N, C-alpha and C. Protein backbone atom coordinates (compact mmCIF):
# COMPACT_ATOMS: atom_id res chain seq x y z
N UNK A 1 117.01 36.85 96.61
CA UNK A 1 115.88 37.13 95.70
C UNK A 1 114.50 37.88 96.06
N UNK A 2 113.12 38.05 95.91
CA UNK A 2 111.88 38.02 95.54
C UNK A 2 111.04 37.58 95.02
N UNK A 3 109.96 37.24 95.05
CA UNK A 3 108.87 37.35 94.85
C UNK A 3 109.52 37.70 93.69
N UNK A 4 108.25 38.38 93.66
CA UNK A 4 108.76 39.24 92.29
C UNK A 4 109.81 38.84 91.12
N UNK A 5 111.05 39.22 91.72
CA UNK A 5 112.09 38.82 90.88
C UNK A 5 111.59 36.70 90.56
N UNK A 6 111.08 36.23 90.63
CA UNK A 6 110.88 34.21 90.69
C UNK A 6 109.60 34.54 89.65
N UNK A 7 109.33 35.38 90.00
CA UNK A 7 107.51 35.88 88.68
C UNK A 7 108.47 36.68 87.06
N UNK A 8 109.46 36.91 87.67
CA UNK A 8 109.82 37.35 86.37
C UNK A 8 110.09 36.02 85.86
N UNK A 9 111.32 35.17 85.85
CA UNK A 9 111.77 34.45 85.74
C UNK A 9 110.91 32.69 85.16
N UNK A 10 110.17 32.82 85.81
CA UNK A 10 109.14 31.23 85.65
C UNK A 10 107.53 31.54 85.78
N UNK A 11 107.55 30.45 85.11
CA UNK A 11 104.91 30.14 84.75
C UNK A 11 106.03 28.89 86.11
N UNK A 12 104.42 28.89 86.47
CA UNK A 12 104.36 27.62 87.91
C UNK A 12 102.85 27.24 87.39
N UNK A 13 102.71 26.29 88.05
CA UNK A 13 101.12 25.49 88.09
C UNK A 13 101.05 25.17 89.71
N UNK A 14 99.93 25.77 89.74
CA UNK A 14 99.57 25.09 91.46
C UNK A 14 99.49 23.87 92.00
N UNK A 15 98.40 23.64 91.26
CA UNK A 15 97.67 22.19 90.46
C UNK A 15 98.21 20.89 89.95
N UNK A 16 99.63 21.43 89.89
CA UNK A 16 100.97 20.30 89.48
C UNK A 16 102.22 20.17 90.14
N UNK A 17 102.24 21.42 90.19
CA UNK A 17 103.40 22.32 91.53
C UNK A 17 104.81 22.31 90.77
N UNK A 18 104.90 22.35 89.14
CA UNK A 18 105.61 22.77 88.18
C UNK A 18 106.16 23.90 88.28
N UNK A 19 107.96 24.01 87.01
CA UNK A 19 107.60 25.83 88.27
C UNK A 19 108.67 24.70 86.48
N UNK A 20 108.47 26.01 86.03
CA UNK A 20 109.31 25.91 84.10
C UNK A 20 109.83 27.49 84.59
N UNK A 21 111.35 27.59 83.09
CA UNK A 21 111.40 28.57 83.28
C UNK A 21 110.82 29.52 82.19
N UNK A 22 110.20 31.19 82.38
CA UNK A 22 110.43 31.50 81.53
C UNK A 22 110.63 31.49 79.76
N UNK A 23 111.49 32.95 79.86
CA UNK A 23 112.60 32.86 78.46
C UNK A 23 113.72 32.48 78.21
N UNK A 24 114.49 31.86 79.57
CA UNK A 24 115.80 31.46 79.54
C UNK A 24 116.37 29.86 78.53
N UNK A 25 115.20 29.39 78.49
CA UNK A 25 115.99 28.20 78.42
C UNK A 25 114.40 27.02 78.10
N UNK A 26 114.27 27.60 77.00
CA UNK A 26 112.96 27.55 76.82
C UNK A 26 111.55 27.08 77.07
N UNK A 27 110.96 27.28 78.75
CA UNK A 27 110.11 26.58 79.24
C UNK A 27 110.37 25.51 79.97
N UNK A 28 112.06 25.02 79.89
CA UNK A 28 112.37 24.02 80.63
C UNK A 28 111.42 24.34 82.03
N UNK A 29 112.26 22.65 82.80
CA UNK A 29 111.28 22.24 83.73
C UNK A 29 112.31 22.60 84.79
N UNK A 30 112.20 23.35 85.50
CA UNK A 30 113.10 23.96 86.23
C UNK A 30 113.09 23.41 88.15
N UNK A 31 113.97 23.28 88.72
CA UNK A 31 114.34 22.75 90.07
C UNK A 31 113.37 21.46 90.35
N UNK A 32 113.59 21.10 89.10
CA UNK A 32 113.85 18.73 89.42
C UNK A 32 115.16 18.41 89.93
N UNK A 33 116.61 18.63 90.43
CA UNK A 33 117.42 18.22 90.90
C UNK A 33 117.46 17.57 91.98
N UNK A 34 117.18 16.24 93.29
CA UNK A 34 116.40 15.77 94.24
C UNK A 34 118.24 15.86 95.03
N UNK A 35 117.87 16.71 96.12
CA UNK A 35 118.42 16.43 97.40
C UNK A 35 118.06 15.15 97.65
N UNK A 36 119.77 15.10 99.29
CA UNK A 36 120.54 13.76 98.83
C UNK A 36 118.94 13.52 100.27
N UNK A 37 118.52 14.34 100.55
CA UNK A 37 116.99 14.25 101.41
C UNK A 37 115.49 14.56 101.00
N UNK A 38 116.24 14.62 99.60
CA UNK A 38 115.05 14.01 99.10
C UNK A 38 113.63 15.44 98.34
N UNK A 39 114.55 16.38 98.79
CA UNK A 39 112.72 17.80 98.01
C UNK A 39 114.23 17.52 96.72
N UNK A 40 112.90 18.56 96.02
CA UNK A 40 113.39 18.42 94.57
C UNK A 40 114.36 20.68 95.17
N UNK A 41 115.28 20.66 94.22
CA UNK A 41 116.46 22.31 94.61
C UNK A 41 115.53 22.74 93.21
N UNK A 42 117.10 23.30 92.80
CA UNK A 42 117.32 24.61 91.40
C UNK A 42 118.57 25.81 91.59
N UNK A 43 119.10 25.91 91.19
CA UNK A 43 119.84 27.41 91.08
C UNK A 43 118.98 27.91 90.39
N UNK A 44 119.42 28.93 90.79
CA UNK A 44 118.67 30.45 90.23
C UNK A 44 119.53 31.23 90.70
N UNK A 45 121.16 32.32 89.85
CA UNK A 45 121.36 32.96 89.57
C UNK A 45 122.16 32.51 90.67
N UNK A 46 123.41 31.46 90.59
CA UNK A 46 124.39 30.03 91.57
C UNK A 46 124.23 30.54 92.32
N UNK A 47 122.91 30.54 93.40
CA UNK A 47 122.16 30.29 94.18
C UNK A 47 121.08 29.20 94.43
N UNK A 48 121.69 27.47 95.55
CA UNK A 48 120.54 27.04 95.51
C UNK A 48 119.08 27.44 95.64
N UNK A 49 117.37 26.62 95.86
CA UNK A 49 116.98 27.82 96.99
C UNK A 49 115.22 25.73 96.50
N UNK A 50 115.13 25.01 97.09
CA UNK A 50 113.91 24.54 97.23
C UNK A 50 112.86 25.06 96.95
N UNK A 51 112.32 23.72 95.83
CA UNK A 51 110.86 23.90 94.97
C UNK A 51 109.71 24.07 95.92
N UNK A 52 109.60 23.73 96.85
CA UNK A 52 108.64 24.39 97.57
C UNK A 52 108.47 25.49 98.14
N UNK A 53 109.90 25.90 98.73
CA UNK A 53 109.73 26.94 98.13
C UNK A 53 109.32 28.15 97.98
N UNK A 54 110.13 28.14 96.57
CA UNK A 54 110.05 28.60 95.77
C UNK A 54 108.59 28.55 95.86
N UNK A 55 107.27 27.73 95.54
CA UNK A 55 106.74 26.95 94.98
C UNK A 55 105.30 28.19 95.75
N UNK A 56 105.56 28.21 97.56
CA UNK A 56 105.19 29.36 97.29
C UNK A 56 104.78 29.74 97.89
N UNK A 57 106.74 31.16 97.94
CA UNK A 57 106.54 32.49 97.38
C UNK A 57 106.27 33.00 95.99
N UNK A 58 106.28 31.56 95.07
CA UNK A 58 105.71 32.38 93.11
C UNK A 58 103.62 32.09 93.22
N UNK A 59 103.15 31.46 94.78
CA UNK A 59 102.18 31.60 94.56
C UNK A 59 101.58 32.33 95.44
N UNK A 60 102.57 33.09 96.23
CA UNK A 60 101.84 33.90 97.37
C UNK A 60 102.39 35.54 97.50
N UNK A 61 103.21 34.73 96.28
CA UNK A 61 103.76 36.79 96.66
C UNK A 61 104.48 37.07 97.80
N UNK A 62 104.60 35.84 98.95
CA UNK A 62 106.44 35.99 99.63
C UNK A 62 107.02 35.09 100.22
N UNK A 63 108.65 34.84 100.52
CA UNK A 63 109.02 34.04 101.91
C UNK A 63 108.16 33.50 101.87
N UNK A 64 108.00 32.05 103.08
CA UNK A 64 107.77 31.65 104.32
C UNK A 64 107.92 31.81 105.06
N UNK A 65 107.19 31.73 105.83
CA UNK A 65 108.35 32.77 107.12
C UNK A 65 109.28 31.67 107.28
N UNK A 66 107.99 30.36 108.45
CA UNK A 66 108.83 28.57 108.73
C UNK A 66 109.31 27.98 107.39
N UNK A 67 109.23 26.98 108.32
CA UNK A 67 108.64 25.63 108.02
C UNK A 67 107.86 25.54 107.02
N UNK A 68 108.18 24.43 105.32
CA UNK A 68 106.48 24.39 105.37
C UNK A 68 106.87 22.66 105.43
N UNK A 69 106.11 22.07 105.59
CA UNK A 69 105.21 20.79 105.85
C UNK A 69 104.70 19.86 103.60
N UNK A 70 104.73 19.38 103.47
CA UNK A 70 103.72 18.38 102.61
C UNK A 70 103.49 17.74 103.47
N UNK A 71 102.46 17.77 103.13
CA UNK A 71 101.48 17.60 103.79
C UNK A 71 100.76 15.38 103.42
N UNK A 72 100.92 15.70 102.32
CA UNK A 72 101.23 13.01 102.67
C UNK A 72 102.77 13.35 102.53
N UNK A 73 103.63 14.10 102.70
CA UNK A 73 105.05 13.74 103.44
C UNK A 73 105.93 13.56 101.70
N UNK A 74 105.13 13.42 100.92
CA UNK A 74 105.76 12.96 99.35
C UNK A 74 106.76 14.45 98.93
N UNK A 75 108.56 14.29 99.55
CA UNK A 75 109.01 15.47 99.58
C UNK A 75 108.92 16.22 98.01
N UNK A 76 109.00 15.15 96.61
CA UNK A 76 108.77 15.87 95.71
C UNK A 76 107.15 16.77 95.02
N UNK A 77 106.58 16.44 96.05
CA UNK A 77 105.35 16.66 95.60
C UNK A 77 105.02 18.53 95.87
N UNK A 78 105.53 18.99 94.55
CA UNK A 78 105.10 20.47 95.40
C UNK A 78 103.88 21.07 95.11
N UNK A 79 102.03 20.33 94.55
CA UNK A 79 101.34 20.97 94.85
C UNK A 79 100.69 21.82 96.18
N UNK A 80 100.70 22.77 95.42
CA UNK A 80 100.32 23.76 96.79
C UNK A 80 99.01 23.68 97.33
N UNK A 81 98.32 22.30 97.52
CA UNK A 81 97.17 22.40 97.94
C UNK A 81 97.51 20.82 99.08
N UNK A 82 98.72 20.82 98.60
CA UNK A 82 99.89 20.27 99.42
C UNK A 82 100.86 20.82 99.72
N UNK A 83 101.35 21.67 100.43
CA UNK A 83 101.91 22.68 101.00
C UNK A 83 101.46 23.27 102.31
N UNK A 84 102.00 23.58 103.37
CA UNK A 84 100.79 23.63 103.89
C UNK A 84 102.54 25.09 105.13
N UNK A 85 102.53 25.88 106.06
CA UNK A 85 103.10 26.45 107.10
C UNK A 85 103.18 25.52 107.98
N UNK A 86 104.08 24.94 109.00
CA UNK A 86 104.32 24.73 109.84
C UNK A 86 105.57 24.76 110.34
N UNK A 87 105.26 24.77 112.38
CA UNK A 87 105.98 24.75 113.37
C UNK A 87 107.45 23.79 112.62
N UNK A 88 108.15 23.88 113.69
CA UNK A 88 109.30 22.17 113.70
C UNK A 88 108.63 20.82 113.93
N UNK A 89 107.90 21.90 114.68
CA UNK A 89 107.26 20.78 116.02
C UNK A 89 106.04 19.87 114.95
N UNK A 90 105.19 21.21 114.01
CA UNK A 90 104.20 20.28 113.66
C UNK A 90 104.61 19.38 112.15
N UNK A 91 106.02 20.15 111.85
CA UNK A 91 106.96 19.11 111.15
C UNK A 91 106.85 18.18 111.14
N UNK A 92 107.91 18.14 112.62
CA UNK A 92 108.25 16.83 112.45
C UNK A 92 106.70 15.45 112.61
N UNK A 93 105.94 16.13 113.12
CA UNK A 93 104.75 14.96 114.39
C UNK A 93 104.07 15.05 112.42
N UNK A 94 104.73 14.89 111.20
CA UNK A 94 104.19 14.97 110.88
C UNK A 94 105.36 13.56 109.80
N UNK A 95 105.30 13.12 109.65
CA UNK A 95 106.58 12.30 109.54
C UNK A 95 106.67 11.19 109.15
N UNK A 96 107.12 10.20 108.07
CA UNK A 96 107.27 8.48 107.57
C UNK A 96 107.80 8.20 108.85
N UNK A 97 108.17 7.05 108.87
CA UNK A 97 108.61 6.53 109.56
C UNK A 97 110.43 6.02 109.64
N UNK A 98 110.66 5.50 110.05
CA UNK A 98 112.60 5.46 109.26
C UNK A 98 112.80 5.06 108.80
N UNK A 99 113.88 4.68 107.45
CA UNK A 99 114.17 3.27 107.19
C UNK A 99 113.99 2.51 107.90
N UNK A 100 114.96 2.45 109.60
CA UNK A 100 115.99 1.64 109.90
C UNK A 100 114.89 0.74 111.35
N UNK A 101 113.78 1.23 110.88
CA UNK A 101 112.70 1.33 111.69
C UNK A 101 112.58 -0.08 111.89
N UNK A 102 112.98 -1.13 113.04
CA UNK A 102 112.73 -1.89 113.20
C UNK A 102 111.22 -3.46 113.38
N UNK A 103 109.67 -1.79 113.88
CA UNK A 103 108.97 -2.35 114.16
C UNK A 103 107.70 -2.21 113.38
N UNK A 104 107.84 -2.24 112.64
CA UNK A 104 107.79 -0.98 111.36
C UNK A 104 105.99 0.01 112.43
N UNK A 105 106.46 0.16 112.88
CA UNK A 105 105.88 1.46 114.19
C UNK A 105 106.99 2.79 114.59
N UNK A 106 106.18 3.66 114.77
CA UNK A 106 106.98 4.56 114.68
C UNK A 106 106.90 4.74 116.62
N UNK A 107 107.92 4.75 117.05
CA UNK A 107 107.87 5.03 118.39
C UNK A 107 107.46 3.23 119.05
N UNK A 108 108.39 2.83 118.85
CA UNK A 108 107.28 1.46 118.95
C UNK A 108 109.22 1.01 119.01
N UNK A 109 110.06 0.59 120.43
CA UNK A 109 111.11 -0.17 119.56
C UNK A 109 111.05 -1.96 120.28
N UNK A 110 112.04 -2.33 120.58
CA UNK A 110 112.43 -3.09 121.63
C UNK A 110 113.30 -3.28 122.27
N UNK A 111 112.24 -3.22 123.47
CA UNK A 111 113.28 -3.66 125.23
C UNK A 111 113.60 -4.89 126.07
N UNK A 112 114.34 -4.89 125.58
CA UNK A 112 114.48 -6.60 127.08
C UNK A 112 113.20 -7.62 126.70
N UNK A 113 112.63 -8.17 125.40
CA UNK A 113 112.49 -9.31 125.37
C UNK A 113 110.73 -8.44 125.13
N UNK A 114 110.22 -7.28 125.56
CA UNK A 114 108.91 -6.09 125.65
C UNK A 114 109.29 -5.49 123.95
N UNK A 115 107.84 -4.77 123.66
CA UNK A 115 107.53 -3.85 123.25
C UNK A 115 108.05 -2.10 123.69
N UNK A 116 108.52 -1.99 123.69
CA UNK A 116 108.21 -0.50 124.06
C UNK A 116 107.58 0.89 123.20
N UNK A 117 107.34 1.61 123.91
CA UNK A 117 105.82 3.16 123.40
C UNK A 117 106.17 3.31 123.93
N UNK A 118 106.72 4.76 122.91
CA UNK A 118 107.60 6.19 123.52
C UNK A 118 106.93 6.91 122.28
N UNK A 119 106.67 8.59 122.77
CA UNK A 119 106.68 9.60 122.55
C UNK A 119 107.84 10.62 122.57
N UNK A 120 107.52 11.91 121.58
CA UNK A 120 109.08 12.65 121.95
C UNK A 120 107.73 13.32 121.48
N UNK A 121 108.17 14.60 123.01
CA UNK A 121 106.90 16.46 122.87
C UNK A 121 107.73 16.71 123.48
N UNK A 122 107.68 18.41 122.84
CA UNK A 122 108.61 19.34 123.29
C UNK A 122 110.37 19.13 123.19
N UNK A 123 111.03 18.06 122.99
CA UNK A 123 111.85 17.11 122.61
C UNK A 123 112.10 16.03 124.24
N UNK A 124 110.99 16.08 124.05
CA UNK A 124 111.76 15.34 125.85
C UNK A 124 111.02 13.34 125.74
N UNK A 125 111.01 12.62 125.23
CA UNK A 125 110.30 11.23 125.33
C UNK A 125 109.82 11.35 126.56
N UNK A 126 108.88 10.67 125.95
CA UNK A 126 107.15 10.78 126.92
C UNK A 126 107.76 9.00 127.06
N UNK A 127 107.82 8.07 127.93
CA UNK A 127 107.26 6.70 128.28
C UNK A 127 105.74 6.03 128.09
N UNK A 128 105.04 5.44 126.41
CA UNK A 128 104.34 5.12 126.67
C UNK A 128 103.66 3.75 128.21
N UNK A 129 104.79 2.06 127.95
CA UNK A 129 104.82 2.07 128.55
C UNK A 129 105.05 0.62 127.56
N UNK A 130 105.51 -0.83 128.65
CA UNK A 130 105.88 -2.01 127.88
C UNK A 130 105.09 -2.53 127.00
N UNK A 131 105.46 -3.52 125.92
CA UNK A 131 103.85 -4.45 125.64
C UNK A 131 104.16 -5.48 124.92
N UNK A 132 103.37 -6.92 125.88
CA UNK A 132 104.05 -7.98 125.37
C UNK A 132 103.96 -8.58 123.30
N UNK A 133 103.59 -7.21 122.69
CA UNK A 133 103.39 -7.14 121.00
C UNK A 133 103.31 -5.95 120.59
N UNK A 134 104.70 -6.22 120.00
CA UNK A 134 104.08 -5.03 118.59
C UNK A 134 102.97 -3.06 118.46
N UNK A 135 101.98 -4.94 118.53
CA UNK A 135 100.81 -3.99 117.49
C UNK A 135 100.33 -3.68 119.23
N UNK A 136 100.26 -3.85 120.25
CA UNK A 136 99.41 -3.54 121.44
C UNK A 136 100.91 -2.02 121.81
N UNK A 137 102.11 -2.20 121.28
CA UNK A 137 103.46 -1.06 121.32
C UNK A 137 102.22 0.31 121.05
N UNK A 138 101.71 0.10 119.45
CA UNK A 138 101.55 0.57 118.98
C UNK A 138 100.59 1.36 119.50
N UNK A 139 99.26 0.63 119.51
CA UNK A 139 97.96 1.19 120.36
C UNK A 139 98.21 1.96 121.19
N UNK A 140 99.36 2.26 121.99
CA UNK A 140 98.93 2.67 122.86
C UNK A 140 100.28 4.43 122.09
N UNK A 141 100.97 3.85 121.19
CA UNK A 141 101.32 5.47 120.23
C UNK A 141 100.50 6.04 119.70
N UNK A 142 99.43 5.40 118.68
CA UNK A 142 98.53 6.21 118.14
C UNK A 142 97.28 6.70 119.35
N UNK A 143 97.89 6.41 120.37
CA UNK A 143 96.68 6.99 120.82
C UNK A 143 97.30 8.01 121.47
N UNK A 144 98.26 8.48 122.11
CA UNK A 144 99.27 9.23 122.26
C UNK A 144 99.19 10.15 121.34
N UNK A 145 99.71 9.65 119.91
CA UNK A 145 99.73 10.05 118.92
C UNK A 145 98.75 11.35 118.47
N UNK A 146 97.35 11.19 119.37
CA UNK A 146 95.95 11.86 119.25
C UNK A 146 95.61 12.51 120.21
N UNK A 147 96.33 12.68 121.37
CA UNK A 147 96.90 13.54 122.91
C UNK A 147 98.21 13.98 122.64
N UNK A 148 98.86 14.53 121.52
CA UNK A 148 99.32 15.29 121.56
C UNK A 148 99.26 16.31 119.77
N UNK A 149 98.40 15.90 119.41
CA UNK A 149 97.72 16.38 117.73
C UNK A 149 99.04 15.92 116.88
N UNK A 150 98.91 14.84 116.93
CA UNK A 150 100.35 14.36 115.62
C UNK A 150 99.40 14.85 114.42
N UNK A 151 100.06 14.37 113.26
CA UNK A 151 99.15 14.42 111.40
C UNK A 151 98.65 13.25 111.27
N UNK A 152 97.48 12.49 110.72
CA UNK A 152 97.36 11.16 111.07
C UNK A 152 97.75 9.74 110.12
N UNK A 153 99.18 10.93 109.44
CA UNK A 153 100.22 10.67 108.45
C UNK A 153 101.21 10.27 109.46
N UNK A 154 101.58 10.51 110.80
CA UNK A 154 102.49 11.07 111.53
C UNK A 154 103.07 9.33 111.43
N UNK A 155 104.38 8.94 111.13
CA UNK A 155 105.02 7.54 111.09
C UNK A 155 104.25 6.51 110.53
N UNK A 156 103.34 6.88 108.63
CA UNK A 156 103.55 5.60 107.89
C UNK A 156 104.33 5.68 107.09
N UNK A 157 103.94 4.28 106.31
CA UNK A 157 105.13 4.54 104.67
C UNK A 157 105.42 5.39 103.80
N UNK A 158 105.69 5.75 103.90
CA UNK A 158 105.80 6.92 102.21
C UNK A 158 104.83 6.67 101.02
N UNK A 159 104.10 7.01 100.94
CA UNK A 159 103.35 6.69 99.38
C UNK A 159 103.80 7.50 98.81
N UNK A 160 104.83 7.08 97.39
CA UNK A 160 104.85 8.33 96.12
C UNK A 160 104.10 7.92 95.55
N UNK A 161 103.67 9.27 94.46
CA UNK A 161 102.48 9.90 94.27
C UNK A 161 103.14 9.86 92.50
């Protein structure tokens, strides 16, 4: 499906990130289903499309080349100001902490009664050291975030709008 075909079917508001059907369903909201990964999606002619990619195509008239990153980490916030093209690496550097995180910090884990700090760069884990407290380990990780150009949001707890 081309962006031109999408524009015939939908209206969109880049400020709110909302997409609606033009006439087919009386301006009903489109792309409101949530997939297991948390992204909004919808069907067009029997094919699933991710809402953030459709929003990009509608707004810019072209499908994005690579990944689309949600700057504020909210996967349902498809305002155009919250979307940016990103490489897989850039996208990975703007992730929230995992649900099973036990230290409360990204890149910090328990290791033999100490706290280990690490960062993954170019698919390789870089050991940053062992520390007495998780806060010390987190400080080492935050310095590494800056050194390796991670997003300032990386590892933060996701805030829903």
